[in-house]
mmCIF file of all heavy atoms, coordinates in Angstrom:
data_MODEL
# 
_entry.id   MODEL 
# 
loop_
_atom_site.group_PDB 
_atom_site.id 
_atom_site.type_symbol 
_atom_site.label_atom_id 
_atom_site.label_alt_id 
_atom_site.label_comp_id 
_atom_site.label_asym_id 
_atom_site.label_entity_id 
_atom_site.label_seq_id 
_atom_site.pdbx_PDB_ins_code 
_atom_site.Cartn_x 
_atom_site.Cartn_y 
_atom_site.Cartn_z 
_atom_site.occupancy 
_atom_site.B_iso_or_equiv 
_atom_site.pdbx_formal_charge 
_atom_site.auth_seq_id 
_atom_site.auth_comp_id 
_atom_site.auth_asym_id 
_atom_site.auth_atom_id 
_atom_site.pdbx_PDB_model_num 
ATOM 1   N N   . PRO A 1 1  ? 12.540  5.961   1.310   1.00 0.00 ? 1  PRO A N   1 
ATOM 2   C CA  . PRO A 1 1  ? 11.830  6.153   2.576   1.00 0.00 ? 1  PRO A CA  1 
ATOM 3   C C   . PRO A 1 1  ? 10.977  7.334   2.643   1.00 0.00 ? 1  PRO A C   1 
ATOM 4   O O   . PRO A 1 1  ? 9.924   7.302   3.300   1.00 0.00 ? 1  PRO A O   1 
ATOM 5   C CB  . PRO A 1 1  ? 13.028  6.188   3.517   1.00 0.00 ? 1  PRO A CB  1 
ATOM 6   C CG  . PRO A 1 1  ? 14.178  5.558   2.844   1.00 0.00 ? 1  PRO A CG  1 
ATOM 7   C CD  . PRO A 1 1  ? 13.985  5.806   1.346   1.00 0.00 ? 1  PRO A CD  1 
ATOM 8   N N   . GLU A 1 2  ? 11.412  8.493   2.052   1.00 0.00 ? 2  GLU A N   1 
ATOM 9   C CA  . GLU A 1 2  ? 10.632  9.705   2.188   1.00 0.00 ? 2  GLU A CA  1 
ATOM 10  C C   . GLU A 1 2  ? 9.308   9.590   1.483   1.00 0.00 ? 2  GLU A C   1 
ATOM 11  O O   . GLU A 1 2  ? 8.230   10.074  1.972   1.00 0.00 ? 2  GLU A O   1 
ATOM 12  C CB  . GLU A 1 2  ? 11.390  10.888  1.582   1.00 0.00 ? 2  GLU A CB  1 
ATOM 13  C CG  . GLU A 1 2  ? 11.654  10.854  0.049   1.00 0.00 ? 2  GLU A CG  1 
ATOM 14  C CD  . GLU A 1 2  ? 12.822  9.995   -0.376  1.00 0.00 ? 2  GLU A CD  1 
ATOM 15  O OE1 . GLU A 1 2  ? 13.343  9.297   0.516   1.00 0.00 ? 2  GLU A OE1 1 
ATOM 16  O OE2 . GLU A 1 2  ? 13.178  10.031  -1.560  1.00 0.00 ? 2  GLU A OE2 1 
ATOM 17  N N   . LYS A 1 3  ? 9.207   8.846   0.362   1.00 0.00 ? 3  LYS A N   1 
ATOM 18  C CA  . LYS A 1 3  ? 7.936   8.572   -0.350  1.00 0.00 ? 3  LYS A CA  1 
ATOM 19  C C   . LYS A 1 3  ? 7.053   7.700   0.468   1.00 0.00 ? 3  LYS A C   1 
ATOM 20  O O   . LYS A 1 3  ? 5.830   7.902   0.545   1.00 0.00 ? 3  LYS A O   1 
ATOM 21  C CB  . LYS A 1 3  ? 8.110   7.986   -1.725  1.00 0.00 ? 3  LYS A CB  1 
ATOM 22  C CG  . LYS A 1 3  ? 8.759   8.993   -2.735  1.00 0.00 ? 3  LYS A CG  1 
ATOM 23  C CD  . LYS A 1 3  ? 8.901   8.327   -4.096  1.00 0.00 ? 3  LYS A CD  1 
ATOM 24  C CE  . LYS A 1 3  ? 9.521   9.258   -5.116  1.00 0.00 ? 3  LYS A CE  1 
ATOM 25  N NZ  . LYS A 1 3  ? 9.580   8.621   -6.443  1.00 0.00 ? 3  LYS A NZ  1 
ATOM 26  N N   . ALA A 1 4  ? 7.629   6.612   1.060   1.00 0.00 ? 4  ALA A N   1 
ATOM 27  C CA  . ALA A 1 4  ? 6.824   5.689   1.878   1.00 0.00 ? 4  ALA A CA  1 
ATOM 28  C C   . ALA A 1 4  ? 6.229   6.332   3.012   1.00 0.00 ? 4  ALA A C   1 
ATOM 29  O O   . ALA A 1 4  ? 5.075   5.941   3.479   1.00 0.00 ? 4  ALA A O   1 
ATOM 30  C CB  . ALA A 1 4  ? 7.695   4.532   2.267   1.00 0.00 ? 4  ALA A CB  1 
ATOM 31  N N   . ILE A 1 5  ? 6.771   7.449   3.573   1.00 0.00 ? 5  ILE A N   1 
ATOM 32  C CA  . ILE A 1 5  ? 6.203   8.145   4.739   1.00 0.00 ? 5  ILE A CA  1 
ATOM 33  C C   . ILE A 1 5  ? 5.286   9.257   4.353   1.00 0.00 ? 5  ILE A C   1 
ATOM 34  O O   . ILE A 1 5  ? 4.227   9.461   4.886   1.00 0.00 ? 5  ILE A O   1 
ATOM 35  C CB  . ILE A 1 5  ? 7.325   8.648   5.626   1.00 0.00 ? 5  ILE A CB  1 
ATOM 36  C CG1 . ILE A 1 5  ? 8.195   7.468   6.173   1.00 0.00 ? 5  ILE A CG1 1 
ATOM 37  C CG2 . ILE A 1 5  ? 6.790   9.443   6.787   1.00 0.00 ? 5  ILE A CG2 1 
ATOM 38  C CD1 . ILE A 1 5  ? 7.429   6.520   6.989   1.00 0.00 ? 5  ILE A CD1 1 
ATOM 39  N N   . ILE A 1 6  ? 5.638   9.968   3.266   1.00 0.00 ? 6  ILE A N   1 
ATOM 40  C CA  . ILE A 1 6  ? 4.920   11.177  2.862   1.00 0.00 ? 6  ILE A CA  1 
ATOM 41  C C   . ILE A 1 6  ? 3.765   10.861  1.967   1.00 0.00 ? 6  ILE A C   1 
ATOM 42  O O   . ILE A 1 6  ? 2.643   11.429  2.153   1.00 0.00 ? 6  ILE A O   1 
ATOM 43  C CB  . ILE A 1 6  ? 5.817   12.208  2.216   1.00 0.00 ? 6  ILE A CB  1 
ATOM 44  C CG1 . ILE A 1 6  ? 6.904   12.619  3.229   1.00 0.00 ? 6  ILE A CG1 1 
ATOM 45  C CG2 . ILE A 1 6  ? 5.103   13.449  1.747   1.00 0.00 ? 6  ILE A CG2 1 
ATOM 46  C CD1 . ILE A 1 6  ? 8.007   13.492  2.582   1.00 0.00 ? 6  ILE A CD1 1 
ATOM 47  N N   . GLN A 1 7  ? 3.937   9.965   0.974   1.00 0.00 ? 7  GLN A N   1 
ATOM 48  C CA  . GLN A 1 7  ? 2.894   9.726   -0.070  1.00 0.00 ? 7  GLN A CA  1 
ATOM 49  C C   . GLN A 1 7  ? 1.791   8.925   0.371   1.00 0.00 ? 7  GLN A C   1 
ATOM 50  O O   . GLN A 1 7  ? 0.729   8.958   -0.182  1.00 0.00 ? 7  GLN A O   1 
ATOM 51  C CB  . GLN A 1 7  ? 3.627   9.207   -1.299  1.00 0.00 ? 7  GLN A CB  1 
ATOM 52  C CG  . GLN A 1 7  ? 4.727   10.071  -1.952  1.00 0.00 ? 7  GLN A CG  1 
ATOM 53  C CD  . GLN A 1 7  ? 4.113   11.376  -2.410  1.00 0.00 ? 7  GLN A CD  1 
ATOM 54  O OE1 . GLN A 1 7  ? 2.962   11.447  -2.842  1.00 0.00 ? 7  GLN A OE1 1 
ATOM 55  N NE2 . GLN A 1 7  ? 4.985   12.408  -2.402  1.00 0.00 ? 7  GLN A NE2 1 
ATOM 56  N N   . VAL A 1 8  ? 1.960   8.023   1.356   1.00 0.00 ? 8  VAL A N   1 
ATOM 57  C CA  . VAL A 1 8  ? 0.902   7.112   1.743   1.00 0.00 ? 8  VAL A CA  1 
ATOM 58  C C   . VAL A 1 8  ? 0.880   6.912   3.203   1.00 0.00 ? 8  VAL A C   1 
ATOM 59  O O   . VAL A 1 8  ? 1.957   6.952   3.896   1.00 0.00 ? 8  VAL A O   1 
ATOM 60  C CB  . VAL A 1 8  ? 1.060   5.724   1.034   1.00 0.00 ? 8  VAL A CB  1 
ATOM 61  C CG1 . VAL A 1 8  ? 2.421   5.078   1.428   1.00 0.00 ? 8  VAL A CG1 1 
ATOM 62  C CG2 . VAL A 1 8  ? -0.053  4.817   1.336   1.00 0.00 ? 8  VAL A CG2 1 
ATOM 63  N N   . GLU A 1 9  ? -0.332  6.796   3.772   1.00 0.00 ? 9  GLU A N   1 
ATOM 64  C CA  . GLU A 1 9  ? -0.385  6.565   5.203   1.00 0.00 ? 9  GLU A CA  1 
ATOM 65  C C   . GLU A 1 9  ? -0.394  5.042   5.539   1.00 0.00 ? 9  GLU A C   1 
ATOM 66  O O   . GLU A 1 9  ? -1.174  4.310   4.924   1.00 0.00 ? 9  GLU A O   1 
ATOM 67  C CB  . GLU A 1 9  ? -1.760  7.120   5.805   1.00 0.00 ? 9  GLU A CB  1 
ATOM 68  C CG  . GLU A 1 9  ? -2.013  6.943   7.231   1.00 0.00 ? 9  GLU A CG  1 
ATOM 69  C CD  . GLU A 1 9  ? -3.343  7.443   7.673   1.00 0.00 ? 9  GLU A CD  1 
ATOM 70  O OE1 . GLU A 1 9  ? -4.175  7.842   6.837   1.00 0.00 ? 9  GLU A OE1 1 
ATOM 71  O OE2 . GLU A 1 9  ? -3.609  7.440   8.836   1.00 0.00 ? 9  GLU A OE2 1 
ATOM 72  N N   . ARG A 1 10 ? 0.481   4.550   6.351   1.00 0.00 ? 10 ARG A N   1 
ATOM 73  C CA  . ARG A 1 10 ? 0.674   3.193   6.704   1.00 0.00 ? 10 ARG A CA  1 
ATOM 74  C C   . ARG A 1 10 ? 0.936   2.400   5.458   1.00 0.00 ? 10 ARG A C   1 
ATOM 75  O O   . ARG A 1 10 ? -0.038  1.664   4.967   1.00 0.00 ? 10 ARG A O   1 
ATOM 76  C CB  . ARG A 1 10 ? -0.468  2.750   7.568   1.00 0.00 ? 10 ARG A CB  1 
ATOM 77  C CG  . ARG A 1 10 ? -0.532  3.340   8.962   1.00 0.00 ? 10 ARG A CG  1 
ATOM 78  C CD  . ARG A 1 10 ? -1.526  2.633   9.834   1.00 0.00 ? 10 ARG A CD  1 
ATOM 79  N NE  . ARG A 1 10 ? -2.869  2.673   9.307   1.00 0.00 ? 10 ARG A NE  1 
ATOM 80  C CZ  . ARG A 1 10 ? -3.832  3.608   9.544   1.00 0.00 ? 10 ARG A CZ  1 
ATOM 81  N NH1 . ARG A 1 10 ? -3.419  4.665   10.383  1.00 0.00 ? 10 ARG A NH1 1 
ATOM 82  N NH2 . ARG A 1 10 ? -4.946  3.625   9.043   1.00 0.00 ? 10 ARG A NH2 1 
ATOM 83  N N   . TYR A 1 11 ? 2.105   2.427   4.880   1.00 0.00 ? 11 TYR A N   1 
ATOM 84  C CA  . TYR A 1 11 ? 2.362   1.801   3.619   1.00 0.00 ? 11 TYR A CA  1 
ATOM 85  C C   . TYR A 1 11 ? 2.205   0.285   3.639   1.00 0.00 ? 11 TYR A C   1 
ATOM 86  O O   . TYR A 1 11 ? 1.885   -0.395  2.701   1.00 0.00 ? 11 TYR A O   1 
ATOM 87  C CB  . TYR A 1 11 ? 3.790   2.175   3.141   1.00 0.00 ? 11 TYR A CB  1 
ATOM 88  C CG  . TYR A 1 11 ? 4.922   1.748   3.918   1.00 0.00 ? 11 TYR A CG  1 
ATOM 89  C CD1 . TYR A 1 11 ? 5.487   0.537   3.732   1.00 0.00 ? 11 TYR A CD1 1 
ATOM 90  C CD2 . TYR A 1 11 ? 5.420   2.511   4.983   1.00 0.00 ? 11 TYR A CD2 1 
ATOM 91  C CE1 . TYR A 1 11 ? 6.602   0.081   4.530   1.00 0.00 ? 11 TYR A CE1 1 
ATOM 92  C CE2 . TYR A 1 11 ? 6.480   2.096   5.750   1.00 0.00 ? 11 TYR A CE2 1 
ATOM 93  C CZ  . TYR A 1 11 ? 7.052   0.867   5.508   1.00 0.00 ? 11 TYR A CZ  1 
ATOM 94  O OH  . TYR A 1 11 ? 8.103   0.446   6.251   1.00 0.00 ? 11 TYR A OH  1 
ATOM 95  N N   . LEU A 1 12 ? 2.452   -0.368  4.813   1.00 0.00 ? 12 LEU A N   1 
ATOM 96  C CA  . LEU A 1 12 ? 2.304   -1.727  4.953   1.00 0.00 ? 12 LEU A CA  1 
ATOM 97  C C   . LEU A 1 12 ? 0.853   -2.136  4.720   1.00 0.00 ? 12 LEU A C   1 
ATOM 98  O O   . LEU A 1 12 ? 0.564   -3.133  3.910   1.00 0.00 ? 12 LEU A O   1 
ATOM 99  C CB  . LEU A 1 12 ? 2.817   -2.221  6.235   1.00 0.00 ? 12 LEU A CB  1 
ATOM 100 C CG  . LEU A 1 12 ? 4.303   -2.101  6.573   1.00 0.00 ? 12 LEU A CG  1 
ATOM 101 C CD1 . LEU A 1 12 ? 4.568   -2.560  8.011   1.00 0.00 ? 12 LEU A CD1 1 
ATOM 102 C CD2 . LEU A 1 12 ? 5.092   -3.040  5.553   1.00 0.00 ? 12 LEU A CD2 1 
ATOM 103 N N   . GLU A 1 13 ? -0.074  -1.469  5.422   1.00 0.00 ? 13 GLU A N   1 
ATOM 104 C CA  . GLU A 1 13 ? -1.512  -1.792  5.213   1.00 0.00 ? 13 GLU A CA  1 
ATOM 105 C C   . GLU A 1 13 ? -2.017  -1.463  3.851   1.00 0.00 ? 13 GLU A C   1 
ATOM 106 O O   . GLU A 1 13 ? -2.758  -2.236  3.207   1.00 0.00 ? 13 GLU A O   1 
ATOM 107 C CB  . GLU A 1 13 ? -2.353  -0.984  6.259   1.00 0.00 ? 13 GLU A CB  1 
ATOM 108 C CG  . GLU A 1 13 ? -3.789  -1.293  6.199   1.00 0.00 ? 13 GLU A CG  1 
ATOM 109 C CD  . GLU A 1 13 ? -4.561  -0.499  7.258   1.00 0.00 ? 13 GLU A CD  1 
ATOM 110 O OE1 . GLU A 1 13 ? -3.935  0.184   8.129   1.00 0.00 ? 13 GLU A OE1 1 
ATOM 111 O OE2 . GLU A 1 13 ? -5.873  -0.513  7.176   1.00 0.00 ? 13 GLU A OE2 1 
ATOM 112 N N   . ALA A 1 14 ? -1.530  -0.368  3.270   1.00 0.00 ? 14 ALA A N   1 
ATOM 113 C CA  . ALA A 1 14 ? -1.947  0.004   1.906   1.00 0.00 ? 14 ALA A CA  1 
ATOM 114 C C   . ALA A 1 14 ? -1.457  -1.023  0.887   1.00 0.00 ? 14 ALA A C   1 
ATOM 115 O O   . ALA A 1 14 ? -2.206  -1.394  0.031   1.00 0.00 ? 14 ALA A O   1 
ATOM 116 C CB  . ALA A 1 14 ? -1.345  1.419   1.553   1.00 0.00 ? 14 ALA A CB  1 
ATOM 117 N N   . THR A 1 15 ? -0.225  -1.483  0.995   1.00 0.00 ? 15 THR A N   1 
ATOM 118 C CA  . THR A 1 15 ? 0.262   -2.523  0.099   1.00 0.00 ? 15 THR A CA  1 
ATOM 119 C C   . THR A 1 15 ? -0.514  -3.774  0.253   1.00 0.00 ? 15 THR A C   1 
ATOM 120 O O   . THR A 1 15 ? -0.803  -4.492  -0.738  1.00 0.00 ? 15 THR A O   1 
ATOM 121 C CB  . THR A 1 15 ? 1.744   -2.719  0.360   1.00 0.00 ? 15 THR A CB  1 
ATOM 122 O OG1 . THR A 1 15 ? 2.497   -1.583  0.264   1.00 0.00 ? 15 THR A OG1 1 
ATOM 123 C CG2 . THR A 1 15 ? 2.303   -3.678  -0.653  1.00 0.00 ? 15 THR A CG2 1 
ATOM 124 N N   . SER A 1 16 ? -0.865  -4.179  1.482   1.00 0.00 ? 16 SER A N   1 
ATOM 125 C CA  . SER A 1 16 ? -1.613  -5.424  1.673   1.00 0.00 ? 16 SER A CA  1 
ATOM 126 C C   . SER A 1 16 ? -3.021  -5.368  1.015   1.00 0.00 ? 16 SER A C   1 
ATOM 127 O O   . SER A 1 16 ? -3.465  -6.220  0.261   1.00 0.00 ? 16 SER A O   1 
ATOM 128 C CB  . SER A 1 16 ? -1.816  -5.702  3.155   1.00 0.00 ? 16 SER A CB  1 
ATOM 129 O OG  . SER A 1 16 ? -2.614  -6.745  3.409   1.00 0.00 ? 16 SER A OG  1 
ATOM 130 N N   . GLN A 1 17 ? -3.708  -4.213  1.192   1.00 0.00 ? 17 GLN A N   1 
ATOM 131 C CA  . GLN A 1 17 ? -4.952  -4.003  0.590   1.00 0.00 ? 17 GLN A CA  1 
ATOM 132 C C   . GLN A 1 17 ? -4.934  -4.039  -0.974  1.00 0.00 ? 17 GLN A C   1 
ATOM 133 O O   . GLN A 1 17 ? -5.783  -4.645  -1.676  1.00 0.00 ? 17 GLN A O   1 
ATOM 134 C CB  . GLN A 1 17 ? -5.685  -2.745  1.109   1.00 0.00 ? 17 GLN A CB  1 
ATOM 135 C CG  . GLN A 1 17 ? -6.023  -2.768  2.539   1.00 0.00 ? 17 GLN A CG  1 
ATOM 136 C CD  . GLN A 1 17 ? -7.015  -3.817  2.915   1.00 0.00 ? 17 GLN A CD  1 
ATOM 137 O OE1 . GLN A 1 17 ? -7.971  -4.121  2.142   1.00 0.00 ? 17 GLN A OE1 1 
ATOM 138 N NE2 . GLN A 1 17 ? -6.862  -4.398  4.111   1.00 0.00 ? 17 GLN A NE2 1 
ATOM 139 N N   . LEU A 1 18 ? -3.866  -3.368  -1.420  1.00 0.00 ? 18 LEU A N   1 
ATOM 140 C CA  . LEU A 1 18 ? -3.718  -3.378  -2.900  1.00 0.00 ? 18 LEU A CA  1 
ATOM 141 C C   . LEU A 1 18 ? -3.394  -4.731  -3.459  1.00 0.00 ? 18 LEU A C   1 
ATOM 142 O O   . LEU A 1 18 ? -3.941  -5.080  -4.572  1.00 0.00 ? 18 LEU A O   1 
ATOM 143 C CB  . LEU A 1 18 ? -2.636  -2.360  -3.270  1.00 0.00 ? 18 LEU A CB  1 
ATOM 144 C CG  . LEU A 1 18 ? -2.298  -2.199  -4.753  1.00 0.00 ? 18 LEU A CG  1 
ATOM 145 C CD1 . LEU A 1 18 ? -3.514  -1.676  -5.466  1.00 0.00 ? 18 LEU A CD1 1 
ATOM 146 C CD2 . LEU A 1 18 ? -1.109  -1.312  -4.983  1.00 0.00 ? 18 LEU A CD2 1 
ATOM 147 N N   . ALA A 1 19 ? -2.679  -5.530  -2.738  1.00 0.00 ? 19 ALA A N   1 
ATOM 148 C CA  . ALA A 1 19 ? -2.349  -6.887  -3.251  1.00 0.00 ? 19 ALA A CA  1 
ATOM 149 C C   . ALA A 1 19 ? -3.578  -7.737  -3.223  1.00 0.00 ? 19 ALA A C   1 
ATOM 150 O O   . ALA A 1 19 ? -3.769  -8.563  -4.173  1.00 0.00 ? 19 ALA A O   1 
ATOM 151 C CB  . ALA A 1 19 ? -1.250  -7.474  -2.250  1.00 0.00 ? 19 ALA A CB  1 
ATOM 152 N N   . GLN A 1 20 ? -4.497  -7.612  -2.321  1.00 0.00 ? 20 GLN A N   1 
ATOM 153 C CA  . GLN A 1 20 ? -5.687  -8.414  -2.270  1.00 0.00 ? 20 GLN A CA  1 
ATOM 154 C C   . GLN A 1 20 ? -6.617  -8.060  -3.476  1.00 0.00 ? 20 GLN A C   1 
ATOM 155 O O   . GLN A 1 20 ? -7.097  -8.972  -4.150  1.00 0.00 ? 20 GLN A O   1 
ATOM 156 C CB  . GLN A 1 20 ? -6.404  -8.205  -0.935  1.00 0.00 ? 20 GLN A CB  1 
ATOM 157 C CG  . GLN A 1 20 ? -5.687  -8.626  0.241   1.00 0.00 ? 20 GLN A CG  1 
ATOM 158 C CD  . GLN A 1 20 ? -6.400  -8.321  1.577   1.00 0.00 ? 20 GLN A CD  1 
ATOM 159 O OE1 . GLN A 1 20 ? -7.641  -8.349  1.626   1.00 0.00 ? 20 GLN A OE1 1 
ATOM 160 N NE2 . GLN A 1 20 ? -5.701  -7.984  2.607   1.00 0.00 ? 20 GLN A NE2 1 
ATOM 161 N N   . THR A 1 21 ? -6.806  -6.813  -3.720  1.00 0.00 ? 21 THR A N   1 
ATOM 162 C CA  . THR A 1 21 ? -7.721  -6.415  -4.844  1.00 0.00 ? 21 THR A CA  1 
ATOM 163 C C   . THR A 1 21 ? -7.101  -6.789  -6.156  1.00 0.00 ? 21 THR A C   1 
ATOM 164 O O   . THR A 1 21 ? -7.765  -7.210  -7.151  1.00 0.00 ? 21 THR A O   1 
ATOM 165 C CB  . THR A 1 21 ? -7.947  -4.851  -4.799  1.00 0.00 ? 21 THR A CB  1 
ATOM 166 O OG1 . THR A 1 21 ? -6.681  -4.182  -4.800  1.00 0.00 ? 21 THR A OG1 1 
ATOM 167 C CG2 . THR A 1 21 ? -8.718  -4.535  -3.515  1.00 0.00 ? 21 THR A CG2 1 
ATOM 168 N N   . THR A 1 22 ? -5.700  -6.652  -6.249  1.00 0.00 ? 22 THR A N   1 
ATOM 169 C CA  . THR A 1 22 ? -5.082  -6.970  -7.517  1.00 0.00 ? 22 THR A CA  1 
ATOM 170 C C   . THR A 1 22 ? -5.122  -8.512  -7.797  1.00 0.00 ? 22 THR A C   1 
ATOM 171 O O   . THR A 1 22 ? -5.294  -8.967  -8.990  1.00 0.00 ? 22 THR A O   1 
ATOM 172 C CB  . THR A 1 22 ? -3.641  -6.568  -7.526  1.00 0.00 ? 22 THR A CB  1 
ATOM 173 O OG1 . THR A 1 22 ? -3.522  -5.100  -7.315  1.00 0.00 ? 22 THR A OG1 1 
ATOM 174 C CG2 . THR A 1 22 ? -2.919  -6.821  -8.803  1.00 0.00 ? 22 THR A CG2 1 
ATOM 175 N N   . LEU A 1 23 ? -4.985  -9.245  -6.745  1.00 0.00 ? 23 LEU A N   1 
ATOM 176 C CA  . LEU A 1 23 ? -5.093  -10.769 -6.887  1.00 0.00 ? 23 LEU A CA  1 
ATOM 177 C C   . LEU A 1 23 ? -6.440  -11.141 -7.390  1.00 0.00 ? 23 LEU A C   1 
ATOM 178 O O   . LEU A 1 23 ? -6.523  -11.954 -8.377  1.00 0.00 ? 23 LEU A O   1 
ATOM 179 C CB  . LEU A 1 23 ? -4.781  -11.353 -5.560  1.00 0.00 ? 23 LEU A CB  1 
ATOM 180 C CG  . LEU A 1 23 ? -4.799  -12.924 -5.478  1.00 0.00 ? 23 LEU A CG  1 
ATOM 181 C CD1 . LEU A 1 23 ? -3.742  -13.504 -6.351  1.00 0.00 ? 23 LEU A CD1 1 
ATOM 182 C CD2 . LEU A 1 23 ? -4.706  -13.457 -4.028  1.00 0.00 ? 23 LEU A CD2 1 
ATOM 183 N N   . ARG A 1 24 ? -7.465  -10.598 -6.872  1.00 0.00 ? 24 ARG A N   1 
ATOM 184 C CA  . ARG A 1 24 ? -8.853  -10.891 -7.414  1.00 0.00 ? 24 ARG A CA  1 
ATOM 185 C C   . ARG A 1 24 ? -9.070  -10.430 -8.765  1.00 0.00 ? 24 ARG A C   1 
ATOM 186 O O   . ARG A 1 24 ? -9.675  -11.105 -9.564  1.00 0.00 ? 24 ARG A O   1 
ATOM 187 C CB  . ARG A 1 24 ? -9.924  -10.260 -6.445  1.00 0.00 ? 24 ARG A CB  1 
ATOM 188 C CG  . ARG A 1 24 ? -9.941  -10.889 -5.059  1.00 0.00 ? 24 ARG A CG  1 
ATOM 189 C CD  . ARG A 1 24 ? -11.208 -10.498 -4.326  1.00 0.00 ? 24 ARG A CD  1 
ATOM 190 N NE  . ARG A 1 24 ? -11.298 -9.030  -4.124  1.00 0.00 ? 24 ARG A NE  1 
ATOM 191 C CZ  . ARG A 1 24 ? -10.912 -8.361  -3.033  1.00 0.00 ? 24 ARG A CZ  1 
ATOM 192 N NH1 . ARG A 1 24 ? -10.315 -9.065  -2.122  1.00 0.00 ? 24 ARG A NH1 1 
ATOM 193 N NH2 . ARG A 1 24 ? -11.017 -7.080  -2.914  1.00 0.00 ? 24 ARG A NH2 1 
ATOM 194 N N   . ALA A 1 25 ? -8.623  -9.230  -9.072  1.00 0.00 ? 25 ALA A N   1 
ATOM 195 C CA  . ALA A 1 25 ? -8.830  -8.647  -10.443 1.00 0.00 ? 25 ALA A CA  1 
ATOM 196 C C   . ALA A 1 25 ? -8.098  -9.481  -11.511 1.00 0.00 ? 25 ALA A C   1 
ATOM 197 O O   . ALA A 1 25 ? -8.704  -9.705  -12.572 1.00 0.00 ? 25 ALA A O   1 
ATOM 198 C CB  . ALA A 1 25 ? -8.418  -7.194  -10.435 1.00 0.00 ? 25 ALA A CB  1 
# 
């Protein structure tokens, strides 16, 4: 939990964007 809050802003949105780009790649 500490990494999900400190290391990235809005981890849900970040994971969604990363999944989209990875799927295309």
